[in-house]
C-alpha cells in the first residue's frame, strides 16, 4: 500500500533475460562454473543456459574435498551441450589433485576443439 492506502503493484522488469545468449555466456564465463550453474537456476529462461557456456572455469575452492569436486565436474561435462565447442578450460586446484582426473578434463576439452 502507498501512503494514501491504495494498493500499489510494482512491475519488476527483467532486463538481463532480454540480453542475447552470447552476452550472457560472456558474463557467466567470468565466474567459476559452479557459480554460473547456480546463477542459471535462478531464471526459467536461463535454466539450461549453463550447458552451452563455452568457457569452463573449474575451481576446487567451493568444494569440501576432491571427490565432491570430481563428481561436480563429471556432472557438468556429461550434461553440457556437446555441439558447443569449448573455447577455454581453466582448472584451479587447491591442494592435491589426481593426474588421471585432469587428463579426462583435458581429453574432453580437446575433443570439443578447445582454443585455450
PDB file of N, CA and C in Angstrom:
ATOM      1  N   UNK A   1       0.832  -1.181   0.000  1.00  0.00           N
ATOM      2  CA  UNK A   1       0.000   0.000   0.000  1.00  0.00           C
ATOM      3  C   UNK A   1       0.879   1.247   0.000  1.00  0.00           C
ATOM      4  N   UNK A   2       0.368   2.261  -0.692  1.00  0.00           N
ATOM      5  CA  UNK A   2       1.106   3.514  -0.670  1.00  0.00           C
ATOM      6  C   UNK A   2       0.625   4.362   0.516  1.00  0.00           C
ATOM      7  N   UNK A   3       1.083   5.579   0.634  1.00  0.00           N
ATOM      8  CA  UNK A   3       0.736   6.417   1.790  1.00  0.00           C
ATOM      9  C   UNK A   3      -0.742   6.809   1.817  1.00  0.00           C
ATOM     10  N   UNK A   4      -1.448   6.698   0.695  1.00  0.00           N
ATOM     11  CA  UNK A   4      -2.876   7.014   0.635  1.00  0.00           C
ATOM     12  C   UNK A   4      -3.757   5.804   0.913  1.00  0.00           C
ATOM     13  N   UNK A   5      -3.169   4.657   1.215  1.00  0.00           N
ATOM     14  CA  UNK A   5      -3.928   3.456   1.498  1.00  0.00           C
ATOM     15  C   UNK A   5      -4.320   2.662   0.260  1.00  0.00           C
ATOM     16  N   UNK A   6      -3.823   3.043  -0.907  1.00  0.00           N
ATOM     17  CA  UNK A   6      -4.132   2.326  -2.146  1.00  0.00           C
ATOM     18  C   UNK A   6      -3.149   1.183  -2.358  1.00  0.00           C
ATOM     19  N   UNK A   7      -3.640   0.107  -2.923  1.00  0.00           N
ATOM     20  CA  UNK A   7      -2.734  -0.991  -3.271  1.00  0.00           C
ATOM     21  C   UNK A   7      -1.889  -0.575  -4.461  1.00  0.00           C
ATOM     22  N   UNK A   8      -0.612  -0.748  -4.333  1.00  0.00           N
ATOM     23  CA  UNK A   8       0.311  -0.382  -5.400  1.00  0.00           C
ATOM     24  C   UNK A   8       0.992  -1.652  -5.875  1.00  0.00           C
ATOM     25  N   UNK A   9       0.915  -1.891  -7.141  1.00  0.00           N
ATOM     26  CA  UNK A   9       1.571  -3.065  -7.722  1.00  0.00           C
ATOM     27  C   UNK A   9       2.783  -2.587  -8.507  1.00  0.00           C
ATOM     28  N   UNK A  10       3.913  -3.110  -8.152  1.00  0.00           N
ATOM     29  CA  UNK A  10       5.147  -2.742  -8.854  1.00  0.00           C
ATOM     30  C   UNK A  10       5.455  -3.788  -9.904  1.00  0.00           C
ATOM     31  N   UNK A  11       5.842  -3.325 -11.052  1.00  0.00           N
ATOM     32  CA  UNK A  11       6.231  -4.220 -12.129  1.00  0.00           C
ATOM     33  C   UNK A  11       7.747  -4.301 -12.127  1.00  0.00           C
ATOM     34  N   UNK A  12       8.246  -5.504 -11.970  1.00  0.00           N
ATOM     35  CA  UNK A  12       9.690  -5.705 -11.979  1.00  0.00           C
ATOM     36  C   UNK A  12      10.089  -6.105 -13.387  1.00  0.00           C
ATOM     37  N   UNK A  13      10.981  -5.351 -13.953  1.00  0.00           N
ATOM     38  CA  UNK A  13      11.419  -5.621 -15.321  1.00  0.00           C
ATOM     39  C   UNK A  13      12.706  -6.435 -15.287  1.00  0.00           C
ATOM     40  N   UNK A  14      12.715  -7.524 -16.025  1.00  0.00           N
ATOM     41  CA  UNK A  14      13.893  -8.382 -16.098  1.00  0.00           C
ATOM     42  C   UNK A  14      14.661  -8.039 -17.366  1.00  0.00           C
ATOM     43  N   UNK A  15      15.579  -7.106 -17.250  1.00  0.00           N
ATOM     44  CA  UNK A  15      16.354  -6.689 -18.420  1.00  0.00           C
ATOM     45  C   UNK A  15      17.461  -7.680 -18.761  1.00  0.00           C
ATOM     46  N   UNK A  16      17.936  -8.428 -17.766  1.00  0.00           N
ATOM     47  CA  UNK A  16      19.011  -9.384 -18.021  1.00  0.00           C
ATOM     48  C   UNK A  16      18.570 -10.505 -18.956  1.00  0.00           C
ATOM     49  N   UNK A  17      17.364 -10.999 -18.772  1.00  0.00           N
ATOM     50  CA  UNK A  17      16.887 -12.109 -19.600  1.00  0.00           C
ATOM     51  C   UNK A  17      16.681 -11.706 -21.046  1.00  0.00           C
ATOM     52  N   UNK A  18      16.577 -10.419 -21.307  1.00  0.00           N
ATOM     53  CA  UNK A  18      16.410  -9.977 -22.690  1.00  0.00           C
ATOM     54  C   UNK A  18      17.750  -9.838 -23.425  1.00  0.00           C
ATOM     55  N   UNK A  19      18.846 -10.010 -22.699  1.00  0.00           N
ATOM     56  CA  UNK A  19      20.164  -9.956 -23.337  1.00  0.00           C
ATOM     57  C   UNK A  19      20.353 -11.173 -24.239  1.00  0.00           C
ATOM     58  N   UNK A  20      21.140 -11.029 -25.298  1.00  0.00           N
ATOM     59  CA  UNK A  20      21.426 -12.193 -26.147  1.00  0.00           C
ATOM     60  C   UNK A  20      22.223 -13.246 -25.372  1.00  0.00           C
ATOM     61  N   UNK A  21      21.992 -14.508 -25.715  1.00  0.00           N
ATOM     62  CA  UNK A  21      22.676 -15.609 -25.023  1.00  0.00           C
ATOM     63  C   UNK A  21      24.192 -15.467 -25.077  1.00  0.00           C
ATOM     64  N   UNK A  22      24.728 -14.967 -26.192  1.00  0.00           N
ATOM     65  CA  UNK A  22      26.183 -14.801 -26.309  1.00  0.00           C
ATOM     66  C   UNK A  22      26.726 -13.877 -25.224  1.00  0.00           C
ATOM     67  N   UNK A  23      26.002 -12.803 -24.946  1.00  0.00           N
ATOM     68  CA  UNK A  23      26.448 -11.854 -23.926  1.00  0.00           C
ATOM     69  C   UNK A  23      26.312 -12.467 -22.529  1.00  0.00           C
ATOM     70  N   UNK A  24      25.227 -13.187 -22.297  1.00  0.00           N
ATOM     71  CA  UNK A  24      25.054 -13.864 -21.012  1.00  0.00           C
ATOM     72  C   UNK A  24      26.167 -14.897 -20.818  1.00  0.00           C
ATOM     73  N   UNK A  25      26.533 -15.613 -21.892  1.00  0.00           N
ATOM     74  CA  UNK A  25      27.649 -16.565 -21.815  1.00  0.00           C
ATOM     75  C   UNK A  25      28.934 -15.859 -21.414  1.00  0.00           C
ATOM     76  N   UNK A  26      29.193 -14.695 -22.016  1.00  0.00           N
ATOM     77  CA  UNK A  26      30.408 -13.947 -21.687  1.00  0.00           C
ATOM     78  C   UNK A  26      30.420 -13.550 -20.209  1.00  0.00           C
ATOM     79  N   UNK A  27      29.276 -13.103 -19.717  1.00  0.00           N
ATOM     80  CA  UNK A  27      29.181 -12.698 -18.314  1.00  0.00           C
ATOM     81  C   UNK A  27      29.420 -13.903 -17.412  1.00  0.00           C
ATOM     82  N   UNK A  28      28.723 -15.010 -17.690  1.00  0.00           N
ATOM     83  CA  UNK A  28      28.843 -16.205 -16.852  1.00  0.00           C
ATOM     84  C   UNK A  28      30.238 -16.825 -16.926  1.00  0.00           C
ATOM     85  N   UNK A  29      30.915 -16.646 -18.049  1.00  0.00           N
ATOM     86  CA  UNK A  29      32.256 -17.207 -18.216  1.00  0.00           C
ATOM     87  C   UNK A  29      33.292 -16.529 -17.329  1.00  0.00           C
ATOM     88  N   UNK A  30      32.950 -15.383 -16.777  1.00  0.00           N
ATOM     89  CA  UNK A  30      33.857 -14.675 -15.873  1.00  0.00           C
ATOM     90  C   UNK A  30      33.900 -15.324 -14.494  1.00  0.00           C
ATOM     91  N   UNK A  31      32.936 -16.195 -14.237  1.00  0.00           N
ATOM     92  CA  UNK A  31      32.809 -16.800 -12.917  1.00  0.00           C
ATOM     93  C   UNK A  31      33.189 -18.269 -12.932  1.00  0.00           C
ATOM     94  N   UNK A  32      33.403 -18.802 -11.755  1.00  0.00           N
ATOM     95  CA  UNK A  32      33.570 -20.234 -11.572  1.00  0.00           C
ATOM     96  C   UNK A  32      32.312 -20.921 -12.097  1.00  0.00           C
ATOM     97  N   UNK A  33      32.467 -22.082 -12.725  1.00  0.00           N
ATOM     98  CA  UNK A  33      31.337 -22.779 -13.333  1.00  0.00           C
ATOM     99  C   UNK A  33      30.275 -23.147 -12.303  1.00  0.00           C
ATOM    100  N   UNK A  34      30.662 -23.401 -11.066  1.00  0.00           N
ATOM    101  CA  UNK A  34      29.674 -23.722 -10.030  1.00  0.00           C
ATOM    102  C   UNK A  34      28.752 -22.523  -9.812  1.00  0.00           C
ATOM    103  N   UNK A  35      29.315 -21.338  -9.730  1.00  0.00           N
ATOM    104  CA  UNK A  35      28.517 -20.127  -9.562  1.00  0.00           C
ATOM    105  C   UNK A  35      27.661 -19.877 -10.798  1.00  0.00           C
ATOM    106  N   UNK A  36      28.213 -20.142 -11.981  1.00  0.00           N
ATOM    107  CA  UNK A  36      27.453 -19.960 -13.222  1.00  0.00           C
ATOM    108  C   UNK A  36      26.239 -20.884 -13.257  1.00  0.00           C
ATOM    109  N   UNK A  37      26.418 -22.141 -12.874  1.00  0.00           N
ATOM    110  CA  UNK A  37      25.304 -23.094 -12.843  1.00  0.00           C
ATOM    111  C   UNK A  37      24.254 -22.621 -11.836  1.00  0.00           C
ATOM    112  N   UNK A  38      24.688 -22.226 -10.647  1.00  0.00           N
ATOM    113  CA  UNK A  38      23.751 -21.756  -9.622  1.00  0.00           C
ATOM    114  C   UNK A  38      22.987 -20.523 -10.097  1.00  0.00           C
ATOM    115  N   UNK A  39      23.670 -19.618 -10.782  1.00  0.00           N
ATOM    116  CA  UNK A  39      23.031 -18.407 -11.296  1.00  0.00           C
ATOM    117  C   UNK A  39      21.981 -18.749 -12.343  1.00  0.00           C
ATOM    118  N   UNK A  40      22.285 -19.678 -13.221  1.00  0.00           N
ATOM    119  CA  UNK A  40      21.342 -20.063 -14.277  1.00  0.00           C
ATOM    120  C   UNK A  40      20.067 -20.667 -13.698  1.00  0.00           C
ATOM    121  N   UNK A  41      20.165 -21.288 -12.559  1.00  0.00           N
ATOM    122  CA  UNK A  41      18.989 -21.914 -11.961  1.00  0.00           C
ATOM    123  C   UNK A  41      18.014 -20.886 -11.381  1.00  0.00           C
ATOM    124  N   UNK A  42      18.412 -19.622 -11.337  1.00  0.00           N
ATOM    125  CA  UNK A  42      17.541 -18.577 -10.804  1.00  0.00           C
ATOM    126  C   UNK A  42      16.483 -18.111 -11.805  1.00  0.00           C
ATOM    127  N   UNK A  43      16.659 -18.435 -13.059  1.00  0.00           N
ATOM    128  CA  UNK A  43      15.749 -17.963 -14.091  1.00  0.00           C
ATOM    129  C   UNK A  43      15.288 -19.130 -14.955  1.00  0.00           C
ATOM    130  N   UNK A  44      13.999 -19.166 -15.259  1.00  0.00           N
ATOM    131  CA  UNK A  44      13.487 -20.226 -16.141  1.00  0.00           C
ATOM    132  C   UNK A  44      14.132 -20.152 -17.520  1.00  0.00           C
ATOM    133  N   UNK A  45      14.338 -18.920 -18.017  1.00  0.00           N
ATOM    134  CA  UNK A  45      14.948 -18.761 -19.336  1.00  0.00           C
ATOM    135  C   UNK A  45      16.395 -19.260 -19.337  1.00  0.00           C
ATOM    136  N   UNK A  46      17.075 -19.096 -18.228  1.00  0.00           N
ATOM    137  CA  UNK A  46      18.489 -19.448 -18.142  1.00  0.00           C
ATOM    138  C   UNK A  46      18.727 -20.870 -17.650  1.00  0.00           C
ATOM    139  N   UNK A  47      17.662 -21.577 -17.306  1.00  0.00           N
ATOM    140  CA  UNK A  47      17.778 -22.877 -16.631  1.00  0.00           C
ATOM    141  C   UNK A  47      18.805 -23.810 -17.273  1.00  0.00           C
ATOM    142  N   UNK A  48      18.828 -23.872 -18.590  1.00  0.00           N
ATOM    143  CA  UNK A  48      19.764 -24.758 -19.292  1.00  0.00           C
ATOM    144  C   UNK A  48      20.892 -23.999 -19.990  1.00  0.00           C
ATOM    145  N   UNK A  49      20.953 -22.706 -19.786  1.00  0.00           N
ATOM    146  CA  UNK A  49      21.980 -21.896 -20.459  1.00  0.00           C
ATOM    147  C   UNK A  49      23.392 -22.312 -20.071  1.00  0.00           C
ATOM    148  N   UNK A  50      23.564 -22.776 -18.849  1.00  0.00           N
ATOM    149  CA  UNK A  50      24.897 -23.188 -18.386  1.00  0.00           C
ATOM    150  C   UNK A  50      25.448 -24.338 -19.230  1.00  0.00           C
ATOM    151  N   UNK A  51      24.556 -25.114 -19.855  1.00  0.00           N
ATOM    152  CA  UNK A  51      25.010 -26.275 -20.632  1.00  0.00           C
ATOM    153  C   UNK A  51      25.718 -25.870 -21.918  1.00  0.00           C
ATOM    154  N   UNK A  52      25.631 -24.598 -22.280  1.00  0.00           N
ATOM    155  CA  UNK A  52      26.275 -24.154 -23.517  1.00  0.00           C
ATOM    156  C   UNK A  52      27.323 -23.076 -23.295  1.00  0.00           C
ATOM    157  N   UNK A  53      27.764 -22.900 -22.065  1.00  0.00           N
ATOM    158  CA  UNK A  53      28.837 -21.933 -21.786  1.00  0.00           C
ATOM    159  C   UNK A  53      30.133 -22.468 -22.394  1.00  0.00           C
ATOM    160  N   UNK A  54      30.769 -21.708 -23.272  1.00  0.00           N
ATOM    161  CA  UNK A  54      31.977 -22.200 -23.941  1.00  0.00           C
ATOM    162  C   UNK A  54      33.248 -22.124 -23.091  1.00  0.00           C
ATOM    163  N   UNK A  55      33.238 -21.311 -22.037  1.00  0.00           N
ATOM    164  CA  UNK A  55      34.405 -21.160 -21.169  1.00  0.00           C
ATOM    165  C   UNK A  55      34.141 -21.879 -19.862  1.00  0.00           C
ATOM    166  N   UNK A  56      34.910 -22.908 -19.601  1.00  0.00           N
ATOM    167  CA  UNK A  56      34.731 -23.710 -18.392  1.00  0.00           C
ATOM    168  C   UNK A  56      35.810 -23.359 -17.387  1.00  0.00           C
ATOM    169  N   UNK A  57      35.401 -22.800 -16.277  1.00  0.00           N
ATOM    170  CA  UNK A  57      36.323 -22.346 -15.238  1.00  0.00           C
ATOM    171  C   UNK A  57      36.041 -23.162 -13.976  1.00  0.00           C
ATOM    172  N   UNK A  58      36.814 -24.229 -13.778  1.00  0.00           N
ATOM    173  CA  UNK A  58      36.626 -25.133 -12.642  1.00  0.00           C
ATOM    174  C   UNK A  58      37.585 -24.781 -11.518  1.00  0.00           C
ATOM    175  N   UNK A  59      37.065 -24.770 -10.291  1.00  0.00           N
ATOM    176  CA  UNK A  59      37.901 -24.476  -9.135  1.00  0.00           C
ATOM    177  C   UNK A  59      37.469 -25.347  -7.966  1.00  0.00           C
ATOM    178  N   UNK A  60      38.442 -25.850  -7.242  1.00  0.00           N
ATOM    179  CA  UNK A  60      38.146 -26.662  -6.055  1.00  0.00           C
ATOM    180  C   UNK A  60      37.803 -25.798  -4.845  1.00  0.00           C
ATOM    181  N   UNK A  61      37.894 -24.489  -4.973  1.00  0.00           N
ATOM    182  CA  UNK A  61      37.695 -23.582  -3.830  1.00  0.00           C
ATOM    183  C   UNK A  61      36.352 -23.755  -3.126  1.00  0.00           C
ATOM    184  N   UNK A  62      35.309 -24.128  -3.840  1.00  0.00           N
ATOM    185  CA  UNK A  62      33.973 -24.191  -3.252  1.00  0.00           C
ATOM    186  C   UNK A  62      33.516 -25.615  -2.951  1.00  0.00           C
ATOM    187  N   UNK A  63      34.474 -26.520  -2.805  1.00  0.00           N
ATOM    188  CA  UNK A  63      34.162 -27.922  -2.526  1.00  0.00           C
ATOM    189  C   UNK A  63      34.960 -28.384  -1.315  1.00  0.00           C
ATOM    190  N   UNK A  64      34.328 -29.232  -0.499  1.00  0.00           N
ATOM    191  CA  UNK A  64      34.988 -29.722   0.714  1.00  0.00           C
ATOM    192  C   UNK A  64      36.135 -30.666   0.410  1.00  0.00           C
ATOM    193  N   UNK A  65      35.969 -31.473  -0.647  1.00  0.00           N
ATOM    194  CA  UNK A  65      37.036 -32.423  -0.968  1.00  0.00           C
ATOM    195  C   UNK A  65      37.069 -32.666  -2.479  1.00  0.00           C
ATOM    196  N   UNK A  66      38.136 -33.306  -2.901  1.00  0.00           N
ATOM    197  CA  UNK A  66      38.357 -33.547  -4.321  1.00  0.00           C
ATOM    198  C   UNK A  66      37.295 -34.470  -4.915  1.00  0.00           C
ATOM    199  N   UNK A  67      36.772 -35.383  -4.123  1.00  0.00           N
ATOM    200  CA  UNK A  67      35.755 -36.316  -4.617  1.00  0.00           C
ATOM    201  C   UNK A  67      34.468 -35.576  -4.997  1.00  0.00           C
ATOM    202  N   UNK A  68      34.036 -34.617  -4.186  1.00  0.00           N
ATOM    203  CA  UNK A  68      32.838 -33.829  -4.495  1.00  0.00           C
ATOM    204  C   UNK A  68      33.087 -32.943  -5.720  1.00  0.00           C
ATOM    205  N   UNK A  69      34.287 -32.400  -5.808  1.00  0.00           N
ATOM    206  CA  UNK A  69      34.649 -31.594  -6.966  1.00  0.00           C
ATOM    207  C   UNK A  69      34.612 -32.450  -8.231  1.00  0.00           C
ATOM    208  N   UNK A  70      35.194 -33.628  -8.176  1.00  0.00           N
ATOM    209  CA  UNK A  70      35.224 -34.521  -9.336  1.00  0.00           C
ATOM    210  C   UNK A  70      33.812 -34.912  -9.768  1.00  0.00           C
ATOM    211  N   UNK A  71      32.944 -35.150  -8.809  1.00  0.00           N
ATOM    212  CA  UNK A  71      31.553 -35.508  -9.114  1.00  0.00           C
ATOM    213  C   UNK A  71      30.852 -34.343  -9.816  1.00  0.00           C
ATOM    214  N   UNK A  72      31.093 -33.119  -9.345  1.00  0.00           N
ATOM    215  CA  UNK A  72      30.501 -31.941  -9.970  1.00  0.00           C
ATOM    216  C   UNK A  72      31.019 -31.755 -11.398  1.00  0.00           C
ATOM    217  N   UNK A  73      32.327 -31.887 -11.581  1.00  0.00           N
ATOM    218  CA  UNK A  73      32.915 -31.730 -12.916  1.00  0.00           C
ATOM    219  C   UNK A  73      32.339 -32.774 -13.874  1.00  0.00           C
ATOM    220  N   UNK A  74      32.232 -33.998 -13.414  1.00  0.00           N
ATOM    221  CA  UNK A  74      31.660 -35.065 -14.242  1.00  0.00           C
ATOM    222  C   UNK A  74      30.222 -34.723 -14.638  1.00  0.00           C
ATOM    223  N   UNK A  75      29.466 -34.199 -13.694  1.00  0.00           N
ATOM    224  CA  UNK A  75      28.084 -33.802 -13.970  1.00  0.00           C
ATOM    225  C   UNK A  75      28.037 -32.692 -15.027  1.00  0.00           C
ATOM    226  N   UNK A  76      28.863 -31.679 -14.863  1.00  0.00           N
ATOM    227  CA  UNK A  76      28.885 -30.559 -15.818  1.00  0.00           C
ATOM    228  C   UNK A  76      29.250 -31.059 -17.213  1.00  0.00           C
ATOM    229  N   UNK A  77      30.316 -31.847 -17.297  1.00  0.00           N
ATOM    230  CA  UNK A  77      30.774 -32.308 -18.615  1.00  0.00           C
ATOM    231  C   UNK A  77      29.776 -33.267 -19.269  1.00  0.00           C
ATOM    232  N   UNK A  78      29.112 -34.086 -18.488  1.00  0.00           N
ATOM    233  CA  UNK A  78      28.172 -35.043 -19.071  1.00  0.00           C
ATOM    234  C   UNK A  78      26.839 -34.398 -19.458  1.00  0.00           C
ATOM    235  N   UNK A  79      26.525 -33.233 -18.885  1.00  0.00           N
ATOM    236  CA  UNK A  79      25.260 -32.570 -19.195  1.00  0.00           C
ATOM    237  C   UNK A  79      25.422 -31.348 -20.097  1.00  0.00           C
ATOM    238  N   UNK A  80      26.633 -31.075 -20.526  1.00  0.00           N
ATOM    239  CA  UNK A  80      26.863 -29.961 -21.450  1.00  0.00           C
ATOM    240  C   UNK A  80      26.221 -30.250 -22.791  1.00  0.00           C
ATOM    241  N   UNK A  81      25.942 -29.196 -23.533  1.00  0.00           N
ATOM    242  CA  UNK A  81      25.516 -29.321 -24.920  1.00  0.00           C
ATOM    243  C   UNK A  81      26.775 -29.649 -25.721  1.00  0.00           C
ATOM    244  N   UNK A  82      26.900 -30.893 -26.138  1.00  0.00           N
ATOM    245  CA  UNK A  82      28.142 -31.356 -26.766  1.00  0.00           C
ATOM    246  C   UNK A  82      28.349 -30.819 -28.180  1.00  0.00           C
ATOM    247  N   UNK A  83      27.367 -30.107 -28.699  1.00  0.00           N
ATOM    248  CA  UNK A  83      27.529 -29.489 -30.017  1.00  0.00           C
ATOM    249  C   UNK A  83      28.251 -28.146 -29.924  1.00  0.00           C
ATOM    250  N   UNK A  84      28.371 -27.639 -28.716  1.00  0.00           N
ATOM    251  CA  UNK A  84      29.047 -26.360 -28.489  1.00  0.00           C
ATOM    252  C   UNK A  84      30.525 -26.612 -28.236  1.00  0.00           C
ATOM    253  N   UNK A  85      31.372 -25.958 -29.013  1.00  0.00           N
ATOM    254  CA  UNK A  85      32.817 -26.106 -28.814  1.00  0.00           C
ATOM    255  C   UNK A  85      33.229 -25.424 -27.513  1.00  0.00           C
ATOM    256  N   UNK A  86      34.309 -25.894 -26.950  1.00  0.00           N
ATOM    257  CA  UNK A  86      34.860 -25.321 -25.717  1.00  0.00           C
ATOM    258  C   UNK A  86      35.960 -24.343 -26.112  1.00  0.00           C
ATOM    259  N   UNK A  87      35.770 -23.076 -25.777  1.00  0.00           N
ATOM    260  CA  UNK A  87      36.790 -22.101 -26.149  1.00  0.00           C
ATOM    261  C   UNK A  87      37.930 -22.060 -25.139  1.00  0.00           C
ATOM    262  N   UNK A  88      37.617 -22.322 -23.865  1.00  0.00           N
ATOM    263  CA  UNK A  88      38.698 -22.353 -22.871  1.00  0.00           C
ATOM    264  C   UNK A  88      38.306 -23.210 -21.670  1.00  0.00           C
ATOM    265  N   UNK A  89      39.331 -23.768 -21.047  1.00  0.00           N
ATOM    266  CA  UNK A  89      39.155 -24.537 -19.820  1.00  0.00           C
ATOM    267  C   UNK A  89      40.211 -24.059 -18.829  1.00  0.00           C
ATOM    268  N   UNK A  90      39.757 -23.714 -17.642  1.00  0.00           N
ATOM    269  CA  UNK A  90      40.660 -23.313 -16.569  1.00  0.00           C
ATOM    270  C   UNK A  90      40.430 -24.246 -15.396  1.00  0.00           C
ATOM    271  N   UNK A  91      41.511 -24.723 -14.832  1.00  0.00           N
ATOM    272  CA  UNK A  91      41.443 -25.588 -13.650  1.00  0.00           C
ATOM    273  C   UNK A  91      42.232 -24.937 -12.533  1.00  0.00           C
ATOM    274  N   UNK A  92      41.599 -24.801 -11.388  1.00  0.00           N
ATOM    275  CA  UNK A  92      42.257 -24.237 -10.228  1.00  0.00           C
ATOM    276  C   UNK A  92      42.128 -25.247  -9.094  1.00  0.00           C
ATOM    277  N   UNK A  93      43.263 -25.849  -8.724  1.00  0.00           N
ATOM    278  CA  UNK A  93      43.272 -26.833  -7.645  1.00  0.00           C
ATOM    279  C   UNK A  93      43.921 -26.243  -6.411  1.00  0.00           C
ATOM    280  N   UNK A  94      43.284 -26.437  -5.286  1.00  0.00           N
ATOM    281  CA  UNK A  94      43.874 -26.071  -4.010  1.00  0.00           C
ATOM    282  C   UNK A  94      44.234 -27.394  -3.342  1.00  0.00           C
ATOM    283  N   UNK A  95      45.485 -27.615  -3.127  1.00  0.00           N
ATOM    284  CA  UNK A  95      45.913 -28.878  -2.530  1.00  0.00           C
ATOM    285  C   UNK A  95      46.201 -29.923  -3.596  1.00  0.00           C
ATOM    286  N   UNK A  96      45.999 -31.177  -3.229  1.00  0.00           N
ATOM    287  CA  UNK A  96      46.341 -32.303  -4.108  1.00  0.00           C
ATOM    288  C   UNK A  96      45.347 -32.417  -5.262  1.00  0.00           C
ATOM    289  N   UNK A  97      45.796 -33.066  -6.325  1.00  0.00           N
ATOM    290  CA  UNK A  97      44.930 -33.353  -7.454  1.00  0.00           C
ATOM    291  C   UNK A  97      45.315 -34.686  -8.053  1.00  0.00           C
ATOM    292  N   UNK A  98      44.426 -35.230  -8.846  1.00  0.00           N
ATOM    293  CA  UNK A  98      44.604 -36.534  -9.469  1.00  0.00           C
ATOM    294  C   UNK A  98      44.932 -36.331 -10.942  1.00  0.00           C
ATOM    295  N   UNK A  99      46.081 -36.809 -11.389  1.00  0.00           N
ATOM    296  CA  UNK A  99      46.503 -36.604 -12.773  1.00  0.00           C
ATOM    297  C   UNK A  99      45.552 -37.265 -13.775  1.00  0.00           C
ATOM    298  N   UNK A 100      44.983 -38.417 -13.426  1.00  0.00           N
ATOM    299  CA  UNK A 100      44.042 -39.103 -14.310  1.00  0.00           C
ATOM    300  C   UNK A 100      42.791 -38.238 -14.500  1.00  0.00           C
ATOM    301  N   UNK A 101      42.349 -37.636 -13.425  1.00  0.00           N
ATOM    302  CA  UNK A 101      41.192 -36.750 -13.470  1.00  0.00           C
ATOM    303  C   UNK A 101      41.463 -35.544 -14.369  1.00  0.00           C
ATOM    304  N   UNK A 102      42.617 -34.930 -14.206  1.00  0.00           N
ATOM    305  CA  UNK A 102      42.996 -33.773 -15.023  1.00  0.00           C
ATOM    306  C   UNK A 102      43.079 -34.184 -16.498  1.00  0.00           C
ATOM    307  N   UNK A 103      43.617 -35.368 -16.773  1.00  0.00           N
ATOM    308  CA  UNK A 103      43.710 -35.851 -18.153  1.00  0.00           C
ATOM    309  C   UNK A 103      42.325 -36.031 -18.770  1.00  0.00           C
ATOM    310  N   UNK A 104      41.363 -36.514 -17.989  1.00  0.00           N
ATOM    311  CA  UNK A 104      39.996 -36.680 -18.500  1.00  0.00           C
ATOM    312  C   UNK A 104      39.396 -35.330 -18.891  1.00  0.00           C
ATOM    313  N   UNK A 105      39.633 -34.323 -18.080  1.00  0.00           N
ATOM    314  CA  UNK A 105      39.131 -32.978 -18.399  1.00  0.00           C
ATOM    315  C   UNK A 105      39.818 -32.458 -19.661  1.00  0.00           C
ATOM    316  N   UNK A 106      41.125 -32.643 -19.755  1.00  0.00           N
ATOM    317  CA  UNK A 106      41.864 -32.200 -20.940  1.00  0.00           C
ATOM    318  C   UNK A 106      41.381 -32.942 -22.183  1.00  0.00           C
ATOM    319  N   UNK A 107      41.160 -34.232 -22.080  1.00  0.00           N
ATOM    320  CA  UNK A 107      40.658 -35.013 -23.216  1.00  0.00           C
ATOM    321  C   UNK A 107      39.296 -34.499 -23.671  1.00  0.00           C
ATOM    322  N   UNK A 108      38.439 -34.194 -22.711  1.00  0.00           N
ATOM    323  CA  UNK A 108      37.125 -33.651 -23.042  1.00  0.00           C
ATOM    324  C   UNK A 108      37.292 -32.328 -23.800  1.00  0.00           C
ATOM    325  N   UNK A 109      38.131 -31.459 -23.270  1.00  0.00           N
ATOM    326  CA  UNK A 109      38.342 -30.150 -23.890  1.00  0.00           C
ATOM    327  C   UNK A 109      38.881 -30.297 -25.315  1.00  0.00           C
ATOM    328  N   UNK A 110      39.873 -31.150 -25.495  1.00  0.00           N
ATOM    329  CA  UNK A 110      40.446 -31.345 -26.836  1.00  0.00           C
ATOM    330  C   UNK A 110      39.441 -31.941 -27.811  1.00  0.00           C
ATOM    331  N   UNK A 111      38.586 -32.825 -27.313  1.00  0.00           N
ATOM    332  CA  UNK A 111      37.570 -33.446 -28.193  1.00  0.00           C
ATOM    333  C   UNK A 111      36.495 -32.431 -28.597  1.00  0.00           C
ATOM    334  N   UNK A 112      36.440 -31.289 -27.910  1.00  0.00           N
ATOM    335  CA  UNK A 112      35.488 -30.239 -28.257  1.00  0.00           C
ATOM    336  C   UNK A 112      36.207 -28.993 -28.786  1.00  0.00           C
ATOM    337  N   UNK A 113      37.359 -29.224 -29.397  1.00  0.00           N
ATOM    338  CA  UNK A 113      38.124 -28.174 -30.088  1.00  0.00           C
ATOM    339  C   UNK A 113      38.470 -26.976 -29.198  1.00  0.00           C
ATOM    340  N   UNK A 114      38.946 -27.272 -27.999  1.00  0.00           N
ATOM    341  CA  UNK A 114      39.332 -26.195 -27.087  1.00  0.00           C
ATOM    342  C   UNK A 114      40.339 -25.280 -27.763  1.00  0.00           C
ATOM    343  N   UNK A 115      40.204 -23.979 -27.492  1.00  0.00           N
ATOM    344  CA  UNK A 115      41.107 -22.998 -28.078  1.00  0.00           C
ATOM    345  C   UNK A 115      42.150 -22.517 -27.078  1.00  0.00           C
ATOM    346  N   UNK A 116      41.817 -22.583 -25.801  1.00  0.00           N
ATOM    347  CA  UNK A 116      42.747 -22.077 -24.767  1.00  0.00           C
ATOM    348  C   UNK A 116      42.744 -22.988 -23.576  1.00  0.00           C
TER     349      UNK A 116
END
